Amino acid sequence: MLLAQQSAASGPGTRPVVNLQCTLSGSVKGASGLTRAAVCARFVQRIEGALRVRLVEAPSASGPTGRWINIQIKLVGPAHAEATFTSRLGGTVRKHQPIGVDVMDKRLDLREIDILADAVAQALRTAV
């Protein structure tokens, strides 16, 4: 399980809960650290910090309800990653412009995923 399950109890001072669906497609040959768990965890960390929310993994079989974020991360070749994402953080569903990162002189690794996650988190701040 990538994220803690949503608890029924929420007291004062707790962060608002937002459902998250995070998927990863593609791979980078020789980059064993770029797993779904590792990549999605980077996004969770950055988004929770930027939005001051608590993300919980949404069951993929059910449609999103309440406040939610859906992120699809695609690894292309050895040096490109792209995030396509949609959110409902306010009253309306918002489809965001895809954001990508490229590297020129090495293989993609978790440092570039951090850069991508930071950019997605900043874009989501405008959707609140």
N, C-alpha and C. Protein backbone atom coordinates (compact mmCIF):
# COMPACT_ATOMS: atom_id res chain seq x y z
N MET A 1 0.85 -1.18 0.00
CA MET A 1 0.00 0.00 0.00
C MET A 1 0.88 1.23 0.00
N LEU A 2 0.65 2.08 -0.94
CA LEU A 2 1.47 3.28 -1.10
C LEU A 2 1.14 4.33 -0.05
N LEU A 3 -0.11 4.53 0.23
CA LEU A 3 -0.54 5.58 1.12
C LEU A 3 -1.35 5.01 2.26
N ALA A 4 -1.38 5.72 3.34
CA ALA A 4 -2.22 5.30 4.46
C ALA A 4 -3.68 5.38 4.06
N GLN A 5 -4.47 4.47 4.54
CA GLN A 5 -5.89 4.49 4.25
C GLN A 5 -6.55 5.62 5.03
N GLN A 6 -7.58 6.16 4.47
CA GLN A 6 -8.31 7.26 5.10
C GLN A 6 -8.96 6.77 6.37
N SER A 7 -8.78 7.49 7.45
CA SER A 7 -9.42 7.08 8.69
C SER A 7 -10.76 7.79 8.81
N ALA A 8 -11.66 7.14 9.51
CA ALA A 8 -12.99 7.70 9.68
C ALA A 8 -12.96 8.88 10.64
N ALA A 9 -12.03 8.86 11.59
CA ALA A 9 -11.96 9.93 12.58
C ALA A 9 -11.07 11.04 12.06
N SER A 10 -11.55 12.25 12.18
CA SER A 10 -10.71 13.39 11.86
C SER A 10 -11.00 14.48 12.87
N GLY A 11 -9.99 14.84 13.59
CA GLY A 11 -10.17 15.84 14.63
C GLY A 11 -9.64 17.18 14.19
N PRO A 12 -9.72 18.16 15.09
CA PRO A 12 -9.22 19.48 14.76
C PRO A 12 -7.72 19.43 14.53
N GLY A 13 -7.24 20.24 13.61
CA GLY A 13 -5.82 20.30 13.33
C GLY A 13 -5.35 19.27 12.32
N THR A 14 -6.24 18.40 11.86
CA THR A 14 -5.82 17.43 10.85
C THR A 14 -5.92 18.07 9.48
N ARG A 15 -5.09 17.60 8.60
CA ARG A 15 -5.11 18.12 7.23
C ARG A 15 -6.29 17.54 6.48
N PRO A 16 -6.86 18.31 5.55
CA PRO A 16 -7.97 17.78 4.74
C PRO A 16 -7.48 16.59 3.92
N VAL A 17 -8.37 15.63 3.74
CA VAL A 17 -8.05 14.42 2.99
C VAL A 17 -8.38 14.61 1.52
N VAL A 18 -7.45 14.21 0.65
CA VAL A 18 -7.65 14.24 -0.79
C VAL A 18 -7.31 12.85 -1.32
N ASN A 19 -8.21 12.29 -2.13
CA ASN A 19 -7.96 10.98 -2.74
C ASN A 19 -6.97 11.13 -3.88
N LEU A 20 -6.08 10.15 -4.02
CA LEU A 20 -5.07 10.18 -5.06
C LEU A 20 -5.06 8.86 -5.83
N GLN A 21 -5.04 8.98 -7.15
CA GLN A 21 -4.76 7.85 -8.02
C GLN A 21 -3.48 8.19 -8.76
N CYS A 22 -2.46 7.36 -8.61
CA CYS A 22 -1.16 7.61 -9.22
C CYS A 22 -0.76 6.36 -10.00
N THR A 23 -0.50 6.53 -11.28
CA THR A 23 -0.08 5.41 -12.12
C THR A 23 1.24 5.75 -12.78
N LEU A 24 1.99 4.70 -13.12
CA LEU A 24 3.27 4.86 -13.78
C LEU A 24 3.31 3.91 -14.96
N SER A 25 3.68 4.44 -16.12
CA SER A 25 3.85 3.59 -17.30
C SER A 25 5.23 3.85 -17.89
N GLY A 26 5.71 2.87 -18.63
CA GLY A 26 7.03 2.97 -19.23
C GLY A 26 8.10 2.60 -18.22
N SER A 27 9.33 2.61 -18.67
CA SER A 27 10.46 2.30 -17.80
C SER A 27 11.73 2.90 -18.39
N VAL A 28 12.73 2.98 -17.54
CA VAL A 28 14.04 3.45 -17.96
C VAL A 28 15.00 2.29 -17.72
N LYS A 29 15.56 1.77 -18.78
CA LYS A 29 16.46 0.63 -18.68
C LYS A 29 17.62 0.97 -17.75
N GLY A 30 17.86 0.08 -16.79
CA GLY A 30 18.96 0.27 -15.86
C GLY A 30 18.66 1.19 -14.70
N ALA A 31 17.42 1.65 -14.57
CA ALA A 31 17.03 2.54 -13.47
C ALA A 31 16.04 1.82 -12.58
N SER A 32 16.55 0.90 -11.75
CA SER A 32 15.66 0.07 -10.93
C SER A 32 14.93 0.88 -9.86
N GLY A 33 15.40 2.07 -9.51
CA GLY A 33 14.75 2.88 -8.48
C GLY A 33 13.48 3.57 -8.94
N LEU A 34 13.20 3.55 -10.24
CA LEU A 34 12.01 4.23 -10.76
C LEU A 34 10.81 3.29 -10.79
N THR A 35 10.41 2.82 -9.61
CA THR A 35 9.24 1.97 -9.48
C THR A 35 8.01 2.83 -9.22
N ARG A 36 6.83 2.25 -9.37
CA ARG A 36 5.61 2.99 -9.09
C ARG A 36 5.61 3.51 -7.65
N ALA A 37 5.97 2.65 -6.72
CA ALA A 37 5.97 3.04 -5.31
C ALA A 37 6.91 4.22 -5.07
N ALA A 38 8.12 4.16 -5.60
CA ALA A 38 9.10 5.22 -5.37
C ALA A 38 8.69 6.52 -6.04
N VAL A 39 8.24 6.43 -7.28
CA VAL A 39 7.86 7.63 -8.03
C VAL A 39 6.62 8.28 -7.41
N CYS A 40 5.59 7.50 -7.14
CA CYS A 40 4.37 8.07 -6.56
C CYS A 40 4.62 8.64 -5.17
N ALA A 41 5.51 8.02 -4.41
CA ALA A 41 5.85 8.54 -3.08
C ALA A 41 6.45 9.94 -3.17
N ARG A 42 7.25 10.19 -4.20
CA ARG A 42 7.83 11.53 -4.39
C ARG A 42 6.73 12.55 -4.67
N PHE A 43 5.75 12.16 -5.46
CA PHE A 43 4.63 13.06 -5.75
C PHE A 43 3.81 13.32 -4.50
N VAL A 44 3.55 12.28 -3.73
CA VAL A 44 2.79 12.42 -2.48
C VAL A 44 3.48 13.42 -1.57
N GLN A 45 4.76 13.25 -1.37
CA GLN A 45 5.52 14.12 -0.48
C GLN A 45 5.43 15.58 -0.92
N ARG A 46 5.64 15.83 -2.20
CA ARG A 46 5.64 17.21 -2.70
C ARG A 46 4.25 17.83 -2.67
N ILE A 47 3.23 17.06 -3.06
CA ILE A 47 1.87 17.59 -3.10
C ILE A 47 1.35 17.85 -1.70
N GLU A 48 1.57 16.91 -0.78
CA GLU A 48 1.12 17.13 0.59
C GLU A 48 1.73 18.39 1.19
N GLY A 49 3.01 18.61 0.93
CA GLY A 49 3.67 19.81 1.44
C GLY A 49 3.14 21.09 0.82
N ALA A 50 2.93 21.07 -0.48
CA ALA A 50 2.49 22.29 -1.19
C ALA A 50 1.04 22.64 -0.88
N LEU A 51 0.18 21.62 -0.78
CA LEU A 51 -1.25 21.88 -0.59
C LEU A 51 -1.69 21.78 0.86
N ARG A 52 -0.83 21.30 1.72
CA ARG A 52 -1.16 21.09 3.13
C ARG A 52 -2.39 20.21 3.29
N VAL A 53 -2.34 19.07 2.58
CA VAL A 53 -3.40 18.07 2.64
C VAL A 53 -2.79 16.73 2.99
N ARG A 54 -3.65 15.75 3.26
CA ARG A 54 -3.21 14.38 3.45
C ARG A 54 -3.78 13.57 2.30
N LEU A 55 -2.90 12.98 1.50
CA LEU A 55 -3.33 12.18 0.36
C LEU A 55 -3.55 10.74 0.80
N VAL A 56 -4.63 10.16 0.32
CA VAL A 56 -4.91 8.74 0.56
C VAL A 56 -5.14 8.08 -0.79
N GLU A 57 -4.67 6.86 -0.90
CA GLU A 57 -4.80 6.14 -2.16
C GLU A 57 -6.26 5.82 -2.42
N ALA A 58 -6.73 6.23 -3.58
CA ALA A 58 -8.11 5.95 -3.98
C ALA A 58 -8.14 4.61 -4.70
N PRO A 59 -9.14 3.79 -4.42
CA PRO A 59 -9.25 2.52 -5.14
C PRO A 59 -9.39 2.80 -6.64
N SER A 60 -8.60 2.13 -7.44
CA SER A 60 -8.61 2.39 -8.88
C SER A 60 -9.90 1.94 -9.54
N ALA A 61 -10.61 1.01 -8.94
CA ALA A 61 -11.84 0.50 -9.55
C ALA A 61 -13.00 1.48 -9.44
N SER A 62 -12.97 2.33 -8.42
CA SER A 62 -14.10 3.25 -8.24
C SER A 62 -13.79 4.60 -8.86
N GLY A 63 -14.83 5.28 -9.26
CA GLY A 63 -14.66 6.63 -9.79
C GLY A 63 -14.32 7.58 -8.67
N PRO A 64 -13.60 8.65 -8.97
CA PRO A 64 -13.22 9.59 -7.92
C PRO A 64 -14.43 10.33 -7.36
N THR A 65 -14.41 10.53 -6.06
CA THR A 65 -15.46 11.29 -5.39
C THR A 65 -14.80 12.29 -4.46
N GLY A 66 -15.55 13.32 -4.07
CA GLY A 66 -15.00 14.32 -3.17
C GLY A 66 -13.84 15.07 -3.81
N ARG A 67 -12.84 15.38 -3.00
CA ARG A 67 -11.62 16.05 -3.49
C ARG A 67 -10.65 14.98 -3.94
N TRP A 68 -10.08 15.15 -5.13
CA TRP A 68 -9.20 14.11 -5.66
C TRP A 68 -8.19 14.65 -6.65
N ILE A 69 -7.13 13.85 -6.82
CA ILE A 69 -6.09 14.13 -7.82
C ILE A 69 -5.81 12.82 -8.53
N ASN A 70 -5.72 12.87 -9.86
CA ASN A 70 -5.36 11.70 -10.66
C ASN A 70 -4.11 12.08 -11.45
N ILE A 71 -3.02 11.34 -11.21
CA ILE A 71 -1.75 11.62 -11.88
C ILE A 71 -1.30 10.38 -12.65
N GLN A 72 -0.98 10.58 -13.90
CA GLN A 72 -0.43 9.51 -14.75
C GLN A 72 0.98 9.94 -15.15
N ILE A 73 1.96 9.18 -14.69
CA ILE A 73 3.35 9.49 -14.99
C ILE A 73 3.84 8.53 -16.05
N LYS A 74 4.46 9.07 -17.07
CA LYS A 74 4.93 8.27 -18.20
C LYS A 74 6.43 8.46 -18.35
N LEU A 75 7.17 7.35 -18.33
CA LEU A 75 8.60 7.38 -18.58
C LEU A 75 8.83 7.01 -20.03
N VAL A 76 9.56 7.85 -20.74
CA VAL A 76 9.78 7.64 -22.17
C VAL A 76 11.28 7.63 -22.42
N GLY A 77 11.77 6.49 -22.91
CA GLY A 77 13.20 6.39 -23.19
C GLY A 77 14.01 6.57 -21.92
N PRO A 78 15.29 6.80 -22.06
CA PRO A 78 16.14 6.91 -20.88
C PRO A 78 16.15 8.29 -20.24
N ALA A 79 15.52 9.29 -20.88
CA ALA A 79 15.76 10.65 -20.40
C ALA A 79 14.53 11.56 -20.37
N HIS A 80 13.32 11.03 -20.38
CA HIS A 80 12.13 11.90 -20.37
C HIS A 80 11.06 11.30 -19.46
N ALA A 81 10.43 12.17 -18.71
CA ALA A 81 9.26 11.79 -17.90
C ALA A 81 8.22 12.88 -18.05
N GLU A 82 6.95 12.46 -18.07
CA GLU A 82 5.85 13.40 -18.23
C GLU A 82 4.73 13.04 -17.28
N ALA A 83 4.14 14.06 -16.68
CA ALA A 83 2.99 13.87 -15.79
C ALA A 83 1.77 14.51 -16.43
N THR A 84 0.72 13.72 -16.57
CA THR A 84 -0.57 14.20 -17.01
C THR A 84 -1.48 14.10 -15.79
N PHE A 85 -2.19 15.17 -15.46
CA PHE A 85 -2.94 15.13 -14.22
C PHE A 85 -4.22 15.95 -14.29
N THR A 86 -5.18 15.47 -13.52
CA THR A 86 -6.50 16.08 -13.41
C THR A 86 -6.80 16.18 -11.92
N SER A 87 -7.54 17.21 -11.53
CA SER A 87 -7.86 17.35 -10.11
C SER A 87 -9.26 17.91 -9.91
N ARG A 88 -9.76 17.63 -8.74
CA ARG A 88 -10.98 18.28 -8.26
C ARG A 88 -10.70 18.67 -6.82
N LEU A 89 -10.17 19.86 -6.66
CA LEU A 89 -9.80 20.34 -5.33
C LEU A 89 -10.75 21.41 -4.84
N GLY A 90 -11.41 22.05 -5.78
CA GLY A 90 -12.43 23.03 -5.45
C GLY A 90 -13.77 22.45 -5.90
N GLY A 91 -14.56 23.25 -6.53
CA GLY A 91 -15.88 22.80 -6.95
C GLY A 91 -15.92 22.17 -8.34
N THR A 92 -14.87 22.35 -9.14
CA THR A 92 -14.91 21.85 -10.51
C THR A 92 -13.71 20.95 -10.80
N VAL A 93 -13.90 20.10 -11.79
CA VAL A 93 -12.81 19.24 -12.27
C VAL A 93 -11.90 20.08 -13.16
N ARG A 94 -10.62 19.92 -12.98
CA ARG A 94 -9.65 20.71 -13.75
C ARG A 94 -8.63 19.78 -14.39
N LYS A 95 -8.53 19.82 -15.71
CA LYS A 95 -7.51 19.07 -16.44
C LYS A 95 -6.34 20.01 -16.67
N HIS A 96 -5.20 19.65 -16.11
CA HIS A 96 -4.01 20.50 -16.16
C HIS A 96 -3.19 20.20 -17.40
N GLN A 97 -2.38 21.16 -17.80
CA GLN A 97 -1.44 20.95 -18.89
C GLN A 97 -0.39 19.93 -18.45
N PRO A 98 -0.05 18.99 -19.32
CA PRO A 98 1.01 18.04 -18.96
C PRO A 98 2.33 18.77 -18.69
N ILE A 99 3.11 18.21 -17.78
CA ILE A 99 4.42 18.77 -17.45
C ILE A 99 5.45 17.67 -17.65
N GLY A 100 6.56 18.01 -18.27
CA GLY A 100 7.60 17.02 -18.52
C GLY A 100 8.97 17.51 -18.11
N VAL A 101 9.88 16.55 -17.93
CA VAL A 101 11.29 16.85 -17.68
C VAL A 101 12.13 16.02 -18.64
N ASP A 102 13.22 16.61 -19.08
CA ASP A 102 14.18 15.93 -19.96
C ASP A 102 15.57 16.10 -19.37
N VAL A 103 16.39 15.08 -19.54
CA VAL A 103 17.80 15.21 -19.19
C VAL A 103 18.61 14.91 -20.45
N MET A 104 19.78 15.50 -20.54
CA MET A 104 20.56 15.38 -21.76
C MET A 104 21.77 14.46 -21.62
N ASP A 105 22.39 14.46 -20.47
CA ASP A 105 23.69 13.82 -20.36
C ASP A 105 23.71 12.58 -19.47
N LYS A 106 22.55 12.09 -19.06
CA LYS A 106 22.50 10.92 -18.19
C LYS A 106 21.11 10.31 -18.25
N ARG A 107 20.95 9.20 -17.56
CA ARG A 107 19.63 8.57 -17.47
C ARG A 107 18.77 9.29 -16.43
N LEU A 108 17.49 9.25 -16.66
CA LEU A 108 16.52 9.79 -15.72
C LEU A 108 16.67 9.06 -14.38
N ASP A 109 16.58 9.80 -13.28
CA ASP A 109 16.59 9.16 -11.97
C ASP A 109 15.64 9.91 -11.04
N LEU A 110 15.65 9.56 -9.76
CA LEU A 110 14.69 10.15 -8.83
C LEU A 110 14.88 11.66 -8.63
N ARG A 111 16.05 12.19 -8.91
CA ARG A 111 16.22 13.66 -8.80
C ARG A 111 15.34 14.38 -9.81
N GLU A 112 15.25 13.84 -11.01
CA GLU A 112 14.38 14.46 -12.02
C GLU A 112 12.90 14.24 -11.67
N ILE A 113 12.61 13.11 -11.07
CA ILE A 113 11.23 12.87 -10.62
C ILE A 113 10.86 13.90 -9.55
N ASP A 114 11.80 14.24 -8.68
CA ASP A 114 11.55 15.29 -7.68
C ASP A 114 11.24 16.63 -8.34
N ILE A 115 11.98 16.96 -9.37
CA ILE A 115 11.75 18.22 -10.11
C ILE A 115 10.36 18.20 -10.73
N LEU A 116 9.99 17.07 -11.34
CA LEU A 116 8.66 16.94 -11.95
C LEU A 116 7.57 17.02 -10.89
N ALA A 117 7.76 16.35 -9.77
CA ALA A 117 6.77 16.36 -8.69
C ALA A 117 6.60 17.78 -8.13
N ASP A 118 7.70 18.51 -7.98
CA ASP A 118 7.60 19.90 -7.50
C ASP A 118 6.79 20.77 -8.47
N ALA A 119 7.02 20.57 -9.76
CA ALA A 119 6.29 21.36 -10.77
C ALA A 119 4.80 21.03 -10.74
N VAL A 120 4.46 19.75 -10.59
CA VAL A 120 3.06 19.35 -10.51
C VAL A 120 2.42 19.92 -9.25
N ALA A 121 3.13 19.85 -8.13
CA ALA A 121 2.60 20.39 -6.87
C ALA A 121 2.32 21.88 -6.99
N GLN A 122 3.20 22.62 -7.64
CA GLN A 122 3.00 24.06 -7.82
C GLN A 122 1.80 24.33 -8.73
N ALA A 123 1.64 23.54 -9.77
CA ALA A 123 0.49 23.71 -10.65
C ALA A 123 -0.81 23.41 -9.91
N LEU A 124 -0.80 22.44 -9.03
CA LEU A 124 -2.00 22.09 -8.28
C LEU A 124 -2.36 23.18 -7.27
N ARG A 125 -1.40 23.93 -6.80
CA ARG A 125 -1.68 25.01 -5.84
C ARG A 125 -2.63 26.02 -6.45
N THR A 126 -2.56 26.21 -7.75
CA THR A 126 -3.45 27.18 -8.40
C THR A 126 -4.86 26.64 -8.56
N ALA A 127 -5.05 25.32 -8.35
CA ALA A 127 -6.37 24.72 -8.54
C ALA A 127 -7.18 24.66 -7.26
N VAL A 128 -6.59 25.08 -6.14
CA VAL A 128 -7.29 25.00 -4.85
C VAL A 128 -8.26 26.13 -4.72
